[in-house]
């Protein structure tokens, strides 16, 4: 860590703390410094040195940066720059002050409380907005990029203290000519959030992300993943075959319209699923706002502040 800190100091980045760590990379909170006292809080995603030397990982990491750099949307974590230093590649990205959806759900489970249905649906609607934008994204020559995220799960959804909901990590996304996708040979994404077509080694389109989003929504509402089993093969078998729960029986606040929405998003036959994120977004927002006033970013911000007050204050104290 001291060596990495020194290297980044030389290019005007001060690494503050480690935010997250995975098998292939580490994400840091950092300060970017400039002339005349300029300072900006950012996140830096650093690919591990051993993976920087493997062409496929390096290609995908660069592909993620190239892809996400052009995805300019309020519900997608922004990419600022791709760099390389001492043989290691890194991405400079927007810093989101808040928690992951995984942390949000787990905190509710630990406290024995349920996420309010309205706020749960609001969070999913904002992720759906991000997917609607990404799925329709085109190149400069107007050819569609055919982006499929393929890893929509609670760890890749950020909730900021301002009430913003942001989708991140397009690291295994499928997009035209930008990165190796491996379809037909691998099953990308966390097993318990993959679509049936992913579990069957089939080619995917945007409807795969909508199935994953349906799984995430059911988890926020019920506090558990409905497909998770003891191992990957059993989980994928559940995704292919396990009967869906009757959600109103599992939680009485889930009414028939919301149950129907979930059932459509989670339909195993993609031709019977939502045809697009725009279609799913329409149903989500009709559910939220058809009778007038509904959840807002400000309400989500207030709720996060209430639930995570001690945690967020502790994190800020650690940085000072």
Protein backbone atom coordinates (compact mmCIF):
# COMPACT_ATOMS: atom_id res chain seq x y z
CA UNK A 1 0.00 0.00 0.00
CA UNK A 2 2.73 2.59 0.82
CA UNK A 3 4.34 1.94 -2.60
CA UNK A 4 1.00 2.37 -4.38
CA UNK A 5 0.29 5.56 -2.40
CA UNK A 6 3.64 7.00 -3.44
CA UNK A 7 3.11 6.13 -7.10
CA UNK A 8 -0.31 7.78 -7.20
CA UNK A 9 0.96 10.84 -5.32
CA UNK A 10 3.34 11.39 -8.23
CA UNK A 11 0.38 11.74 -10.59
CA UNK A 12 -1.58 13.97 -8.20
CA UNK A 13 -3.87 11.38 -6.61
CA UNK A 14 -3.93 10.77 -2.86
CA UNK A 15 -5.36 7.37 -1.94
CA UNK A 16 -7.52 7.86 1.16
CA UNK A 17 -8.91 4.41 1.95
CA UNK A 18 -9.80 1.08 0.42
CA UNK A 19 -13.52 0.93 -0.40
CA UNK A 20 -13.90 -2.53 -1.92
CA UNK A 21 -11.79 -5.47 -3.01
CA UNK A 22 -12.46 -8.32 -5.40
CA UNK A 23 -10.50 -11.10 -7.01
CA UNK A 24 -9.19 -8.96 -9.86
CA UNK A 25 -9.13 -5.43 -8.52
CA UNK A 26 -9.33 -2.94 -5.67
CA UNK A 27 -11.36 0.26 -5.42
CA UNK A 28 -10.03 3.21 -3.43
CA UNK A 29 -11.46 6.52 -2.34
CA UNK A 30 -8.99 9.14 -3.53
CA UNK A 31 -8.39 12.88 -3.80
CA UNK A 32 -7.40 14.29 -7.15
CA UNK A 33 -5.27 17.40 -6.78
CA UNK A 34 -4.72 20.19 -9.32
CA UNK A 35 -3.47 23.73 -9.67
CA UNK A 36 -4.29 26.49 -7.18
CA UNK A 37 -5.55 24.14 -4.50
CA UNK A 38 -8.01 22.31 -6.77
CA UNK A 39 -9.22 19.10 -5.16
CA UNK A 40 -11.86 16.55 -6.21
CA UNK A 41 -12.99 13.39 -4.46
CA UNK A 42 -12.93 10.40 -6.85
CA UNK A 43 -12.84 6.61 -6.79
CA UNK A 44 -9.97 4.68 -8.36
CA UNK A 45 -10.43 1.13 -9.58
CA UNK A 46 -7.06 -0.57 -9.83
CA UNK A 47 -6.58 -3.87 -11.62
CA UNK A 48 -4.21 -6.15 -9.76
CA UNK A 49 -0.72 -6.36 -11.19
CA UNK A 50 -0.92 -10.08 -11.95
CA UNK A 51 -4.08 -9.56 -14.00
CA UNK A 52 -2.66 -6.56 -15.84
CA UNK A 53 -0.25 -9.01 -17.46
CA UNK A 54 -3.07 -11.22 -18.82
CA UNK A 55 -4.28 -9.94 -22.17
CA UNK A 56 -7.93 -10.97 -21.78
CA UNK A 57 -8.32 -9.25 -18.39
CA UNK A 58 -6.46 -6.19 -19.61
CA UNK A 59 -8.64 -6.01 -22.74
CA UNK A 60 -11.85 -6.27 -20.71
CA UNK A 61 -10.69 -3.66 -18.20
CA UNK A 62 -9.87 -1.23 -21.01
CA UNK A 63 -13.15 -2.17 -22.70
CA UNK A 64 -15.08 -1.35 -19.53
CA UNK A 65 -13.47 2.09 -19.37
CA UNK A 66 -14.13 2.82 -23.05
CA UNK A 67 -17.72 1.65 -22.76
CA UNK A 68 -18.69 3.34 -19.50
CA UNK A 69 -16.94 6.61 -20.42
CA UNK A 70 -19.67 7.26 -22.99
CA UNK A 71 -22.53 6.32 -20.67
CA UNK A 72 -23.45 9.75 -19.35
CA UNK A 73 -26.52 9.31 -17.19
CA UNK A 74 -27.55 10.34 -13.70
CA UNK A 75 -28.19 6.71 -12.71
CA UNK A 76 -24.82 5.36 -13.92
CA UNK A 77 -21.50 5.86 -12.12
CA UNK A 78 -19.42 8.13 -14.34
CA UNK A 79 -15.97 7.22 -15.69
CA UNK A 80 -13.47 10.09 -15.86
CA UNK A 81 -10.23 8.55 -17.07
CA UNK A 82 -8.26 5.39 -17.85
CA UNK A 83 -4.62 5.32 -16.85
CA UNK A 84 -1.63 3.03 -16.59
CA UNK A 85 1.22 3.29 -14.14
CA UNK A 86 4.03 0.86 -13.41
CA UNK A 87 2.32 -1.82 -15.51
CA UNK A 88 -1.03 -1.55 -13.71
CA UNK A 89 -4.18 -0.15 -15.28
CA UNK A 90 -6.62 1.97 -13.32
CA UNK A 91 -9.93 3.74 -13.89
CA UNK A 92 -10.76 7.08 -12.30
CA UNK A 93 -14.49 7.28 -11.65
CA UNK A 94 -17.20 9.16 -9.80
CA UNK A 95 -17.10 8.72 -6.04
CA UNK A 96 -20.51 7.83 -4.62
CA UNK A 97 -20.86 8.76 -0.94
CA UNK A 98 -23.26 6.13 0.36
CA UNK A 99 -23.81 2.39 0.53
CA UNK A 100 -24.29 -0.48 -1.86
CA UNK A 101 -27.74 -1.97 -2.25
CA UNK A 102 -26.25 -5.17 -0.80
CA UNK A 103 -25.36 -3.31 2.40
CA UNK A 104 -28.77 -1.64 2.41
CA UNK A 105 -30.66 -4.94 2.22
CA UNK A 106 -28.36 -6.74 4.65
CA UNK A 107 -28.78 -4.01 7.27
CA UNK A 108 -32.55 -4.43 7.09
CA UNK A 109 -32.22 -8.21 7.44
CA UNK A 110 -29.94 -7.85 10.47
CA UNK A 111 -32.38 -5.46 12.14
CA UNK A 112 -35.40 -7.60 11.32
CA UNK A 113 -37.16 -4.85 9.38
CA UNK A 114 -38.48 -4.76 5.82
CA UNK A 115 -37.59 -2.19 3.17
CA UNK A 116 -40.70 -0.07 2.49
CA UNK A 117 -42.39 -1.29 -0.70
CA UNK A 118 -42.52 2.18 -2.24
CA UNK A 119 -38.81 2.85 -1.72
CA UNK A 120 -37.87 -0.64 -2.95
CA UNK A 121 -39.84 -0.07 -6.15
CA UNK A 122 -38.34 3.43 -6.53
CA UNK A 123 -34.79 2.05 -6.31
CA UNK A 124 -35.54 -0.55 -8.98
CA UNK A 125 -37.13 2.08 -11.22
CA UNK A 126 -33.94 4.16 -11.13
CA UNK A 127 -31.81 1.14 -12.06
CA UNK A 128 -34.29 0.46 -14.84
CA UNK A 129 -33.72 4.02 -16.11
CA UNK A 130 -29.99 3.31 -16.25
CA UNK A 131 -30.56 0.08 -18.19
CA UNK A 132 -32.99 1.75 -20.59
CA UNK A 133 -30.31 4.30 -21.43
CA UNK A 134 -27.47 1.77 -21.73
CA UNK A 135 -29.48 -0.70 -23.83
CA UNK A 136 -30.36 2.03 -26.36
CA UNK A 137 -26.88 3.56 -26.54
CA UNK A 138 -25.48 4.01 -30.04
CA UNK A 139 -22.06 4.68 -31.52
CA UNK A 140 -21.18 7.97 -33.20
CA UNK A 141 -22.19 6.43 -36.53
CA UNK A 142 -25.63 5.58 -35.04
CA UNK A 143 -25.03 1.82 -34.97
CA UNK A 144 -26.43 0.30 -31.75
CA UNK A 145 -23.85 -0.87 -29.24
CA UNK A 146 -26.16 -3.67 -28.07
CA UNK A 147 -25.01 -3.31 -24.48
CA UNK A 148 -26.04 -5.97 -21.98
CA UNK A 149 -24.72 -5.40 -18.45
CA UNK A 150 -24.94 -9.11 -17.46
CA UNK A 151 -24.04 -8.47 -13.82
CA UNK A 152 -26.97 -6.56 -12.33
CA UNK A 153 -26.82 -7.41 -8.63
CA UNK A 154 -27.05 -5.51 -5.31
CA UNK A 155 -23.28 -5.08 -5.02
CA UNK A 156 -23.23 -3.16 -8.31
CA UNK A 157 -25.99 -0.73 -7.33
CA UNK A 158 -25.02 2.30 -5.23
CA UNK A 159 -27.34 4.39 -3.05
CA UNK A 160 -25.93 7.82 -2.25
CA UNK A 161 -26.65 9.88 0.85
CA UNK A 162 -28.34 12.35 -1.53
CA UNK A 163 -30.83 9.67 -2.59
CA UNK A 164 -29.30 8.98 -5.99
CA UNK A 165 -29.36 5.40 -7.29
CA UNK A 166 -26.45 4.46 -9.54
CA UNK A 167 -25.58 1.34 -11.51
CA UNK A 168 -21.88 0.55 -11.77
CA UNK A 169 -19.36 -2.07 -12.92
CA UNK A 170 -19.76 -2.79 -16.62
CA UNK A 171 -16.69 -5.04 -16.32
CA UNK A 172 -18.33 -8.12 -17.88
CA UNK A 173 -20.79 -6.25 -20.07
CA UNK A 174 -21.48 -7.41 -23.58
CA UNK A 175 -21.06 -4.65 -26.16
CA UNK A 176 -20.19 -4.60 -29.82
CA UNK A 177 -16.44 -4.75 -30.49
CA UNK A 178 -15.46 -3.42 -27.07
CA UNK A 179 -14.66 -6.48 -24.97
CA UNK A 180 -14.53 -10.26 -24.94
CA UNK A 181 -17.93 -11.58 -23.89
CA UNK A 182 -17.37 -15.36 -23.78
CA UNK A 183 -21.02 -16.27 -24.36
CA UNK A 184 -21.56 -19.91 -25.14
CA UNK A 185 -18.49 -20.88 -23.09
CA UNK A 186 -18.95 -19.16 -19.71
CA UNK A 187 -21.80 -18.00 -17.48
CA UNK A 188 -21.08 -14.35 -16.68
CA UNK A 189 -22.31 -12.64 -13.52
CA UNK A 190 -23.10 -13.73 -9.96
CA UNK A 191 -24.90 -17.09 -10.21
CA UNK A 192 -27.94 -16.17 -8.09
CA UNK A 193 -28.74 -13.16 -10.31
CA UNK A 194 -28.18 -14.64 -13.76
CA UNK A 195 -30.99 -15.02 -16.28
CA UNK A 196 -32.17 -18.44 -17.53
CA UNK A 197 -30.52 -17.77 -20.89
CA UNK A 198 -27.20 -17.05 -19.15
CA UNK A 199 -27.59 -20.22 -17.08
CA UNK A 200 -28.19 -22.14 -20.34
CA UNK A 201 -25.09 -20.73 -22.07
CA UNK A 202 -27.28 -18.89 -24.58
CA UNK A 203 -26.72 -15.49 -26.17
CA UNK A 204 -28.24 -12.61 -24.24
CA UNK A 205 -29.94 -9.34 -25.00
CA UNK A 206 -31.29 -6.60 -22.75
CA UNK A 207 -34.06 -8.85 -21.45
CA UNK A 208 -31.43 -10.82 -19.48
CA UNK A 209 -30.72 -7.68 -17.43
CA UNK A 210 -34.44 -7.27 -16.73
CA UNK A 211 -34.64 -10.78 -15.29
CA UNK A 212 -31.66 -9.98 -13.05
CA UNK A 213 -33.35 -6.75 -12.02
CA UNK A 214 -36.47 -8.74 -11.14
CA UNK A 215 -34.35 -10.98 -8.90
CA UNK A 216 -32.86 -7.91 -7.20
CA UNK A 217 -36.33 -6.43 -6.69
CA UNK A 218 -37.63 -9.61 -5.11
CA UNK A 219 -34.63 -9.64 -2.79
CA UNK A 220 -35.21 -6.06 -1.61
CA UNK A 221 -38.84 -6.86 -0.91
CA UNK A 222 -38.33 -10.25 0.77
CA UNK A 223 -34.86 -9.83 2.27
CA UNK A 224 -33.52 -12.94 0.55
CA UNK A 225 -32.46 -14.18 -2.86
CA UNK A 226 -35.19 -16.52 -4.12
CA UNK A 227 -32.80 -18.68 -6.19
CA UNK A 228 -29.69 -18.97 -4.02
CA UNK A 229 -28.63 -22.54 -3.23
CA UNK A 230 -25.57 -24.23 -1.72
CA UNK A 231 -23.57 -24.26 -4.95
CA UNK A 232 -23.55 -22.69 -8.40
CA UNK A 233 -25.08 -25.65 -10.23
CA UNK A 234 -27.96 -25.91 -7.78
CA UNK A 235 -28.50 -22.15 -8.03
CA UNK A 236 -28.59 -22.25 -11.83
CA UNK A 237 -31.00 -25.18 -11.65
CA UNK A 238 -33.25 -23.07 -9.42
CA UNK A 239 -33.11 -20.23 -11.92
CA UNK A 240 -34.21 -22.62 -14.67
CA UNK A 241 -36.87 -24.56 -12.75
CA UNK A 242 -37.78 -23.37 -9.24
CA UNK A 243 -41.40 -22.15 -9.05
CA UNK A 244 -41.63 -18.45 -8.26
CA UNK A 245 -43.13 -17.58 -4.89
CA UNK A 246 -46.55 -15.97 -4.72
CA UNK A 247 -45.16 -12.67 -3.52
CA UNK A 248 -48.32 -11.38 -1.75
CA UNK A 249 -48.27 -14.56 0.36
CA UNK A 250 -44.61 -13.98 1.20
CA UNK A 251 -45.24 -10.35 2.15
CA UNK A 252 -48.73 -8.93 2.55
CA UNK A 253 -47.76 -5.39 1.43
CA UNK A 254 -47.05 -6.72 -2.08
CA UNK A 255 -50.31 -6.23 -3.96
CA UNK A 256 -51.49 -7.89 -7.17
CA UNK A 257 -50.15 -5.19 -9.57
CA UNK A 258 -46.67 -5.47 -8.04
CA UNK A 259 -46.87 -9.27 -8.03
CA UNK A 260 -47.77 -9.17 -11.75
CA UNK A 261 -44.85 -6.83 -12.44
CA UNK A 262 -42.43 -9.17 -10.68
CA UNK A 263 -43.84 -12.23 -12.45
CA UNK A 264 -43.39 -10.59 -15.84
CA UNK A 265 -39.79 -9.52 -15.13
CA UNK A 266 -39.01 -13.05 -13.86
CA UNK A 267 -40.64 -14.98 -16.71
CA UNK A 268 -38.27 -17.76 -17.79
CA UNK A 269 -39.31 -17.39 -21.43
CA UNK A 270 -37.75 -14.12 -22.51
CA UNK A 271 -40.34 -13.62 -25.25
CA UNK A 272 -42.92 -13.38 -22.41
CA UNK A 273 -40.74 -11.08 -20.32
CA UNK A 274 -40.63 -7.31 -20.64
CA UNK A 275 -39.51 -6.53 -24.19
CA UNK A 276 -37.39 -3.58 -23.06
CA UNK A 277 -36.27 -1.64 -20.02
CA UNK A 278 -38.49 1.24 -21.21
CA UNK A 279 -41.55 -1.03 -21.00
CA UNK A 280 -40.62 -2.21 -17.50
CA UNK A 281 -39.85 1.36 -16.41
CA UNK A 282 -43.31 2.47 -17.57
CA UNK A 283 -44.99 -0.17 -15.38
CA UNK A 284 -42.77 0.68 -12.40
CA UNK A 285 -43.54 4.39 -12.63
CA UNK A 286 -47.24 3.79 -13.21
CA UNK A 287 -47.22 1.71 -10.04
CA UNK A 288 -45.40 4.45 -8.13
CA UNK A 289 -47.08 7.59 -9.40
CA UNK A 290 -50.44 6.75 -11.01
CA UNK A 291 -52.31 8.01 -7.96
CA UNK A 292 -50.24 11.19 -7.63
CA UNK A 293 -47.27 11.83 -5.33
CA UNK A 294 -44.80 8.99 -4.85
CA UNK A 295 -41.23 8.31 -3.63
CA UNK A 296 -38.46 10.79 -4.45
CA UNK A 297 -34.69 11.03 -4.20
CA UNK A 298 -35.17 13.24 -1.13
CA UNK A 299 -37.28 10.62 0.62
CA UNK A 300 -34.71 7.94 -0.11
CA UNK A 301 -31.94 10.25 1.17
CA UNK A 302 -33.80 10.85 4.42
CA UNK A 303 -34.42 7.12 4.86
CA UNK A 304 -30.75 6.23 4.21
CA UNK A 305 -29.68 8.91 6.67
CA UNK A 306 -31.99 7.43 9.31
CA UNK A 307 -30.97 3.79 8.77
CA UNK A 308 -27.24 4.37 8.33
CA UNK A 309 -26.60 7.46 10.47
CA UNK A 310 -23.97 5.83 12.71
CA UNK A 311 -22.29 3.91 9.87
CA UNK A 312 -21.97 6.94 7.60
CA UNK A 313 -20.69 9.15 10.40
CA UNK A 314 -18.11 6.50 11.30
CA UNK A 315 -16.91 6.25 7.69
CA UNK A 316 -16.47 10.04 7.50
CA UNK A 317 -14.60 10.08 10.82
CA UNK A 318 -12.20 7.42 9.50
CA UNK A 319 -11.39 9.62 6.50
CA UNK A 320 -10.69 12.77 8.54
